[in-house]
């Protein structure tokens, strides 16, 4: 039961010091997104063992006492006996299999080695499909203003207004008039007489305005 309770503590606090053995650490590998296969692989957890002597915090014994429904004093004695027995087994050359954590053994240098279980907490990948909401509205920044995507679609789909080209015809008429005036003066000169009627006038004799009586 002690192994099961300590495993639960490790899951909650990510760290479990055991005197004479080392500190068990719960390490987490981030989730991986596989775009080509449209899958999301969840985080992977594995337990590592950090060498060194470190005592549990005071809150640990309170947690252990609550788990076994015993006093804090009894929790201290029970945990120390557990750590002593584990160390004794490893020194004797035994291999300890800690369910869902890994295998503990003694190394050549007398230190403790852990072969962690990596697939215990690993979950299956899930399928990830991209959801496209064609009519979903969102804000779009246009210059200093903000408009919804629906307003932008409406603006872009407005029919193009037919342009009026009356000014082009007026401009063409003015240009033709200028060209004609330029051509006229180039042919007749720029004197005042060139702009007048060049035909000679012959005055006619006035007819009789009276009649002789016989």
C-alpha atoms as a PDB file:
ATOM      1  CA  UNK A   1       0.000   0.000   0.000  1.00  0.00           C
ATOM      2  CA  UNK A   2       2.898   2.365   0.653  1.00  0.00           C
ATOM      3  CA  UNK A   3       4.030   2.174  -2.980  1.00  0.00           C
ATOM      4  CA  UNK A   4       0.526   3.019  -4.209  1.00  0.00           C
ATOM      5  CA  UNK A   5       0.154   5.965  -1.810  1.00  0.00           C
ATOM      6  CA  UNK A   6       3.584   7.380  -2.691  1.00  0.00           C
ATOM      7  CA  UNK A   7       2.790   7.072  -6.389  1.00  0.00           C
ATOM      8  CA  UNK A   8      -0.357   9.142  -5.863  1.00  0.00           C
ATOM      9  CA  UNK A   9       1.686  11.760  -3.996  1.00  0.00           C
ATOM     10  CA  UNK A  10       4.192  11.853  -6.860  1.00  0.00           C
ATOM     11  CA  UNK A  11       1.406  12.473  -9.363  1.00  0.00           C
ATOM     12  CA  UNK A  12       0.042  15.366  -7.324  1.00  0.00           C
ATOM     13  CA  UNK A  13       3.285  17.081  -6.304  1.00  0.00           C
ATOM     14  CA  UNK A  14       5.659  15.981  -9.139  1.00  0.00           C
ATOM     15  CA  UNK A  15       8.413  15.334  -6.588  1.00  0.00           C
ATOM     16  CA  UNK A  16       9.021  12.644  -3.925  1.00  0.00           C
ATOM     17  CA  UNK A  17      12.210  12.534  -1.827  1.00  0.00           C
ATOM     18  CA  UNK A  18      13.097   9.142  -0.309  1.00  0.00           C
ATOM     19  CA  UNK A  19      16.048   9.204   2.145  1.00  0.00           C
ATOM     20  CA  UNK A  20      18.902   6.909   1.113  1.00  0.00           C
ATOM     21  CA  UNK A  21      17.480   6.474  -2.402  1.00  0.00           C
ATOM     22  CA  UNK A  22      17.109   9.884  -4.031  1.00  0.00           C
ATOM     23  CA  UNK A  23      14.331  12.154  -5.270  1.00  0.00           C
ATOM     24  CA  UNK A  24      11.764  10.837  -7.702  1.00  0.00           C
ATOM     25  CA  UNK A  25      10.681  13.454 -10.257  1.00  0.00           C
ATOM     26  CA  UNK A  26       7.693  13.317 -12.563  1.00  0.00           C
ATOM     27  CA  UNK A  27       8.840  14.688 -15.916  1.00  0.00           C
ATOM     28  CA  UNK A  28       6.444  15.783 -18.626  1.00  0.00           C
ATOM     29  CA  UNK A  29       6.959  15.912 -22.384  1.00  0.00           C
ATOM     30  CA  UNK A  30       4.728  18.441 -24.121  1.00  0.00           C
ATOM     31  CA  UNK A  31       1.960  17.445 -26.502  1.00  0.00           C
ATOM     32  CA  UNK A  32       2.899  17.078 -30.174  1.00  0.00           C
ATOM     33  CA  UNK A  33       0.694  18.194 -33.083  1.00  0.00           C
ATOM     34  CA  UNK A  34       1.016  16.088 -36.231  1.00  0.00           C
ATOM     35  CA  UNK A  35      -0.466  18.274 -38.994  1.00  0.00           C
ATOM     36  CA  UNK A  36       0.001  15.876 -41.950  1.00  0.00           C
ATOM     37  CA  UNK A  37      -1.815  13.033 -40.160  1.00  0.00           C
ATOM     38  CA  UNK A  38      -4.307  15.348 -38.392  1.00  0.00           C
ATOM     39  CA  UNK A  39      -3.507  14.025 -34.921  1.00  0.00           C
ATOM     40  CA  UNK A  40      -2.568  15.461 -31.547  1.00  0.00           C
ATOM     41  CA  UNK A  41      -0.340  13.324 -29.359  1.00  0.00           C
ATOM     42  CA  UNK A  42      -0.953  14.029 -25.657  1.00  0.00           C
ATOM     43  CA  UNK A  43       1.788  14.824 -23.129  1.00  0.00           C
ATOM     44  CA  UNK A  44       3.958  11.893 -22.025  1.00  0.00           C
ATOM     45  CA  UNK A  45       4.917  11.482 -18.381  1.00  0.00           C
ATOM     46  CA  UNK A  46       7.922   9.545 -17.076  1.00  0.00           C
ATOM     47  CA  UNK A  47       9.574   9.249 -13.686  1.00  0.00           C
ATOM     48  CA  UNK A  48      13.244  10.143 -13.216  1.00  0.00           C
ATOM     49  CA  UNK A  49      15.460   9.589 -10.189  1.00  0.00           C
ATOM     50  CA  UNK A  50      17.705  12.393  -8.980  1.00  0.00           C
ATOM     51  CA  UNK A  51      20.627  11.285  -6.855  1.00  0.00           C
ATOM     52  CA  UNK A  52      21.235  12.998  -3.552  1.00  0.00           C
ATOM     53  CA  UNK A  53      19.902  13.063  -0.012  1.00  0.00           C
ATOM     54  CA  UNK A  54      16.817  15.190   0.542  1.00  0.00           C
ATOM     55  CA  UNK A  55      14.192  14.964   3.254  1.00  0.00           C
ATOM     56  CA  UNK A  56      10.469  15.306   2.574  1.00  0.00           C
ATOM     57  CA  UNK A  57       8.745  18.509   3.570  1.00  0.00           C
ATOM     58  CA  UNK A  58       6.577  18.656   6.660  1.00  0.00           C
ATOM     59  CA  UNK A  59       3.411  18.749   4.575  1.00  0.00           C
ATOM     60  CA  UNK A  60       4.331  15.353   3.141  1.00  0.00           C
ATOM     61  CA  UNK A  61       3.869  13.590   6.470  1.00  0.00           C
ATOM     62  CA  UNK A  62       0.562  15.335   7.019  1.00  0.00           C
ATOM     63  CA  UNK A  63      -0.575  14.098   3.579  1.00  0.00           C
ATOM     64  CA  UNK A  64       0.639  10.561   4.332  1.00  0.00           C
ATOM     65  CA  UNK A  65      -1.160  10.555   7.682  1.00  0.00           C
ATOM     66  CA  UNK A  66      -4.396  11.533   5.973  1.00  0.00           C
ATOM     67  CA  UNK A  67      -3.922   8.819   3.323  1.00  0.00           C
ATOM     68  CA  UNK A  68      -3.501   6.052   5.941  1.00  0.00           C
ATOM     69  CA  UNK A  69      -5.770   7.638   8.543  1.00  0.00           C
ATOM     70  CA  UNK A  70      -2.992   7.690  11.147  1.00  0.00           C
ATOM     71  CA  UNK A  71      -1.210  10.375  13.160  1.00  0.00           C
ATOM     72  CA  UNK A  72       1.637  12.467  11.786  1.00  0.00           C
ATOM     73  CA  UNK A  73       4.065  10.719  14.161  1.00  0.00           C
ATOM     74  CA  UNK A  74       3.025   7.299  12.944  1.00  0.00           C
ATOM     75  CA  UNK A  75       3.366   8.510   9.338  1.00  0.00           C
ATOM     76  CA  UNK A  76       6.995   9.550   9.986  1.00  0.00           C
ATOM     77  CA  UNK A  77       7.912   6.160  11.463  1.00  0.00           C
ATOM     78  CA  UNK A  78       6.143   4.203   8.735  1.00  0.00           C
ATOM     79  CA  UNK A  79       7.789   6.151   5.941  1.00  0.00           C
ATOM     80  CA  UNK A  80      11.273   5.885   7.471  1.00  0.00           C
ATOM     81  CA  UNK A  81      10.835   2.103   7.839  1.00  0.00           C
ATOM     82  CA  UNK A  82       9.760   1.930   4.191  1.00  0.00           C
ATOM     83  CA  UNK A  83      12.825   3.867   3.002  1.00  0.00           C
ATOM     84  CA  UNK A  84      15.145   1.725   5.177  1.00  0.00           C
ATOM     85  CA  UNK A  85      13.717  -1.537   3.820  1.00  0.00           C
ATOM     86  CA  UNK A  86      14.018  -0.285   0.218  1.00  0.00           C
ATOM     87  CA  UNK A  87      17.648   0.646   0.734  1.00  0.00           C
ATOM     88  CA  UNK A  88      18.342  -2.691   2.401  1.00  0.00           C
ATOM     89  CA  UNK A  89      16.893  -4.650  -0.525  1.00  0.00           C
ATOM     90  CA  UNK A  90      18.922  -2.710  -3.091  1.00  0.00           C
ATOM     91  CA  UNK A  91      22.168  -3.123  -1.156  1.00  0.00           C
ATOM     92  CA  UNK A  92      21.481  -6.864  -1.059  1.00  0.00           C
ATOM     93  CA  UNK A  93      21.279  -6.837  -4.874  1.00  0.00           C
ATOM     94  CA  UNK A  94      17.554  -7.207  -5.154  1.00  0.00           C
ATOM     95  CA  UNK A  95      15.576  -5.546  -7.944  1.00  0.00           C
ATOM     96  CA  UNK A  96      12.500  -3.599  -6.890  1.00  0.00           C
ATOM     97  CA  UNK A  97       9.660  -3.210  -9.356  1.00  0.00           C
ATOM     98  CA  UNK A  98       7.544  -0.208  -8.507  1.00  0.00           C
ATOM     99  CA  UNK A  99       4.268  -0.501 -10.336  1.00  0.00           C
ATOM    100  CA  UNK A 100       3.691   2.413 -12.813  1.00  0.00           C
ATOM    101  CA  UNK A 101       7.046   3.990 -11.837  1.00  0.00           C
ATOM    102  CA  UNK A 102       9.814   1.667 -12.972  1.00  0.00           C
ATOM    103  CA  UNK A 103      12.467  -0.784 -11.879  1.00  0.00           C
ATOM    104  CA  UNK A 104      15.004   0.068  -9.159  1.00  0.00           C
ATOM    105  CA  UNK A 105      18.396  -1.615  -8.933  1.00  0.00           C
ATOM    106  CA  UNK A 106      21.848  -0.985  -7.535  1.00  0.00           C
ATOM    107  CA  UNK A 107      24.471   0.398  -9.898  1.00  0.00           C
ATOM    108  CA  UNK A 108      28.136  -0.588 -10.123  1.00  0.00           C
ATOM    109  CA  UNK A 109      29.156   2.488  -8.143  1.00  0.00           C
ATOM    110  CA  UNK A 110      26.693   1.680  -5.376  1.00  0.00           C
ATOM    111  CA  UNK A 111      24.142   4.271  -6.504  1.00  0.00           C
ATOM    112  CA  UNK A 112      20.509   3.507  -7.271  1.00  0.00           C
ATOM    113  CA  UNK A 113      19.403   3.183 -10.885  1.00  0.00           C
ATOM    114  CA  UNK A 114      15.880   3.607 -12.156  1.00  0.00           C
ATOM    115  CA  UNK A 115      14.530   2.193 -15.414  1.00  0.00           C
ATOM    116  CA  UNK A 116      11.323   4.235 -15.731  1.00  0.00           C
ATOM    117  CA  UNK A 117       8.056   3.131 -17.236  1.00  0.00           C
ATOM    118  CA  UNK A 118       7.227   5.545 -20.052  1.00  0.00           C
ATOM    119  CA  UNK A 119       3.964   4.167 -21.360  1.00  0.00           C
ATOM    120  CA  UNK A 120       1.980   3.983 -18.140  1.00  0.00           C
ATOM    121  CA  UNK A 121       0.674   7.551 -18.287  1.00  0.00           C
ATOM    122  CA  UNK A 122       0.758   7.893 -22.049  1.00  0.00           C
ATOM    123  CA  UNK A 123      -2.633   8.394 -23.626  1.00  0.00           C
ATOM    124  CA  UNK A 124      -3.712   7.600 -27.150  1.00  0.00           C
ATOM    125  CA  UNK A 125      -3.508  10.351 -29.798  1.00  0.00           C
ATOM    126  CA  UNK A 126      -6.710  12.080 -30.793  1.00  0.00           C
ATOM    127  CA  UNK A 127      -7.886  13.081 -34.236  1.00  0.00           C
ATOM    128  CA  UNK A 128      -7.790  16.817 -34.901  1.00  0.00           C
ATOM    129  CA  UNK A 129      -9.853  18.214 -37.763  1.00  0.00           C
ATOM    130  CA  UNK A 130      -9.698  21.876 -38.677  1.00  0.00           C
ATOM    131  CA  UNK A 131     -13.138  23.447 -38.346  1.00  0.00           C
ATOM    132  CA  UNK A 132     -13.941  26.153 -40.895  1.00  0.00           C
ATOM    133  CA  UNK A 133     -16.892  28.367 -40.033  1.00  0.00           C
ATOM    134  CA  UNK A 134     -17.787  30.169 -43.201  1.00  0.00           C
ATOM    135  CA  UNK A 135     -20.244  32.592 -41.615  1.00  0.00           C
ATOM    136  CA  UNK A 136     -18.438  33.136 -38.332  1.00  0.00           C
ATOM    137  CA  UNK A 137     -17.955  36.844 -37.671  1.00  0.00           C
ATOM    138  CA  UNK A 138     -14.745  38.372 -36.417  1.00  0.00           C
ATOM    139  CA  UNK A 139     -13.359  41.875 -36.180  1.00  0.00           C
ATOM    140  CA  UNK A 140     -11.213  43.258 -39.004  1.00  0.00           C
ATOM    141  CA  UNK A 141      -9.129  46.410 -38.645  1.00  0.00           C
ATOM    142  CA  UNK A 142      -9.533  48.778 -41.600  1.00  0.00           C
ATOM    143  CA  UNK A 143      -7.317  51.821 -41.164  1.00  0.00           C
ATOM    144  CA  UNK A 144      -8.381  53.438 -37.901  1.00  0.00           C
ATOM    145  CA  UNK A 145     -11.770  51.701 -37.858  1.00  0.00           C
ATOM    146  CA  UNK A 146     -12.870  48.207 -36.966  1.00  0.00           C
ATOM    147  CA  UNK A 147     -15.493  46.321 -38.913  1.00  0.00           C
ATOM    148  CA  UNK A 148     -16.928  42.846 -38.705  1.00  0.00           C
ATOM    149  CA  UNK A 149     -16.112  40.290 -41.373  1.00  0.00           C
ATOM    150  CA  UNK A 150     -19.758  40.373 -42.502  1.00  0.00           C
ATOM    151  CA  UNK A 151     -19.569  44.139 -43.069  1.00  0.00           C
ATOM    152  CA  UNK A 152     -16.355  43.744 -45.071  1.00  0.00           C
ATOM    153  CA  UNK A 153     -17.922  41.035 -47.285  1.00  0.00           C
ATOM    154  CA  UNK A 154     -20.927  43.283 -47.915  1.00  0.00           C
ATOM    155  CA  UNK A 155     -18.674  46.207 -48.847  1.00  0.00           C
ATOM    156  CA  UNK A 156     -16.574  44.107 -51.217  1.00  0.00           C
ATOM    157  CA  UNK A 157     -19.623  42.586 -52.912  1.00  0.00           C
ATOM    158  CA  UNK A 158     -21.322  45.890 -53.699  1.00  0.00           C
ATOM    159  CA  UNK A 159     -21.968  46.311 -57.471  1.00  0.00           C
ATOM    160  CA  UNK A 160     -19.651  48.730 -59.188  1.00  0.00           C
ATOM    161  CA  UNK A 161     -21.332  52.059 -59.951  1.00  0.00           C
ATOM    162  CA  UNK A 162     -21.398  53.096 -63.599  1.00  0.00           C
ATOM    163  CA  UNK A 163     -19.092  56.046 -64.086  1.00  0.00           C
ATOM    164  CA  UNK A 164     -20.130  59.148 -66.045  1.00  0.00           C
ATOM    165  CA  UNK A 165     -17.783  60.362 -68.783  1.00  0.00           C
ATOM    166  CA  UNK A 166     -19.533  63.653 -69.730  1.00  0.00           C
ATOM    167  CA  UNK A 167     -16.468  65.598 -68.735  1.00  0.00           C
ATOM    168  CA  UNK A 168     -14.420  63.639 -71.278  1.00  0.00           C
ATOM    169  CA  UNK A 169     -16.688  64.718 -74.128  1.00  0.00           C
ATOM    170  CA  UNK A 170     -16.578  68.344 -72.946  1.00  0.00           C
ATOM    171  CA  UNK A 171     -12.786  68.230 -72.783  1.00  0.00           C
ATOM    172  CA  UNK A 172     -12.611  66.740 -76.290  1.00  0.00           C
ATOM    173  CA  UNK A 173     -14.833  69.526 -77.654  1.00  0.00           C
ATOM    174  CA  UNK A 174     -12.607  72.178 -76.056  1.00  0.00           C
ATOM    175  CA  UNK A 175      -9.480  70.589 -77.504  1.00  0.00           C
ATOM    176  CA  UNK A 176     -11.034  70.445 -80.980  1.00  0.00           C
ATOM    177  CA  UNK A 177     -11.990  74.117 -80.733  1.00  0.00           C
ATOM    178  CA  UNK A 178      -8.435  75.055 -79.755  1.00  0.00           C
ATOM    179  CA  UNK A 179      -7.008  73.050 -82.646  1.00  0.00           C
ATOM    180  CA  UNK A 180      -9.399  74.661 -85.112  1.00  0.00           C
ATOM    181  CA  UNK A 181      -8.578  78.177 -83.906  1.00  0.00           C
ATOM    182  CA  UNK A 182      -4.867  77.436 -84.113  1.00  0.00           C
ATOM    183  CA  UNK A 183      -5.234  76.081 -87.648  1.00  0.00           C
ATOM    184  CA  UNK A 184      -7.314  79.087 -88.758  1.00  0.00           C
ATOM    185  CA  UNK A 185      -4.801  81.654 -87.570  1.00  0.00           C
ATOM    186  CA  UNK A 186      -1.926  79.655 -89.049  1.00  0.00           C
ATOM    187  CA  UNK A 187      -3.631  79.839 -92.469  1.00  0.00           C
ATOM    188  CA  UNK A 188      -4.874  83.486 -92.390  1.00  0.00           C
ATOM    189  CA  UNK A 189      -2.429  85.158 -90.058  1.00  0.00           C
ATOM    190  CA  UNK A 190      -3.022  86.795 -86.747  1.00  0.00           C
ATOM    191  CA  UNK A 191      -3.923  90.347 -88.018  1.00  0.00           C
ATOM    192  CA  UNK A 192      -7.317  91.829 -87.326  1.00  0.00           C
ATOM    193  CA  UNK A 193      -8.168  91.801 -91.016  1.00  0.00           C
ATOM    194  CA  UNK A 194      -7.624  88.048 -91.125  1.00  0.00           C
ATOM    195  CA  UNK A 195     -10.514  87.570 -88.834  1.00  0.00           C
ATOM    196  CA  UNK A 196     -12.830  89.849 -90.886  1.00  0.00           C
ATOM    197  CA  UNK A 197     -14.722  89.229 -94.110  1.00  0.00           C
ATOM    198  CA  UNK A 198     -12.271  89.858 -97.016  1.00  0.00           C
ATOM    199  CA  UNK A 199     -14.929  90.409 -99.733  1.00  0.00           C
ATOM    200  CA  UNK A 200     -15.078  93.939-101.247  1.00  0.00           C
ATOM    201  CA  UNK A 201     -18.353  95.708-100.829  1.00  0.00           C
ATOM    202  CA  UNK A 202     -19.845  97.614-103.847  1.00  0.00           C
ATOM    203  CA  UNK A 203     -22.560 100.044-102.839  1.00  0.00           C
ATOM    204  CA  UNK A 204     -25.640 100.028-105.055  1.00  0.00           C
ATOM    205  CA  UNK A 205     -27.302 103.234-106.343  1.00  0.00           C
ATOM    206  CA  UNK A 206     -30.465 103.929-104.555  1.00  0.00           C
ATOM    207  CA  UNK A 207     -33.611 103.752-106.605  1.00  0.00           C
ATOM    208  CA  UNK A 208     -35.949 106.739-107.134  1.00  0.00           C
ATOM    209  CA  UNK A 209     -37.923 107.573-104.134  1.00  0.00           C
ATOM    210  CA  UNK A 210     -40.361 109.925-106.021  1.00  0.00           C
ATOM    211  CA  UNK A 211     -42.391 110.066-109.288  1.00  0.00           C
ATOM    212  CA  UNK A 212     -42.993 113.073-111.660  1.00  0.00           C
ATOM    213  CA  UNK A 213     -46.634 113.852-112.374  1.00  0.00           C
ATOM    214  CA  UNK A 214     -47.504 114.557-116.086  1.00  0.00           C
END
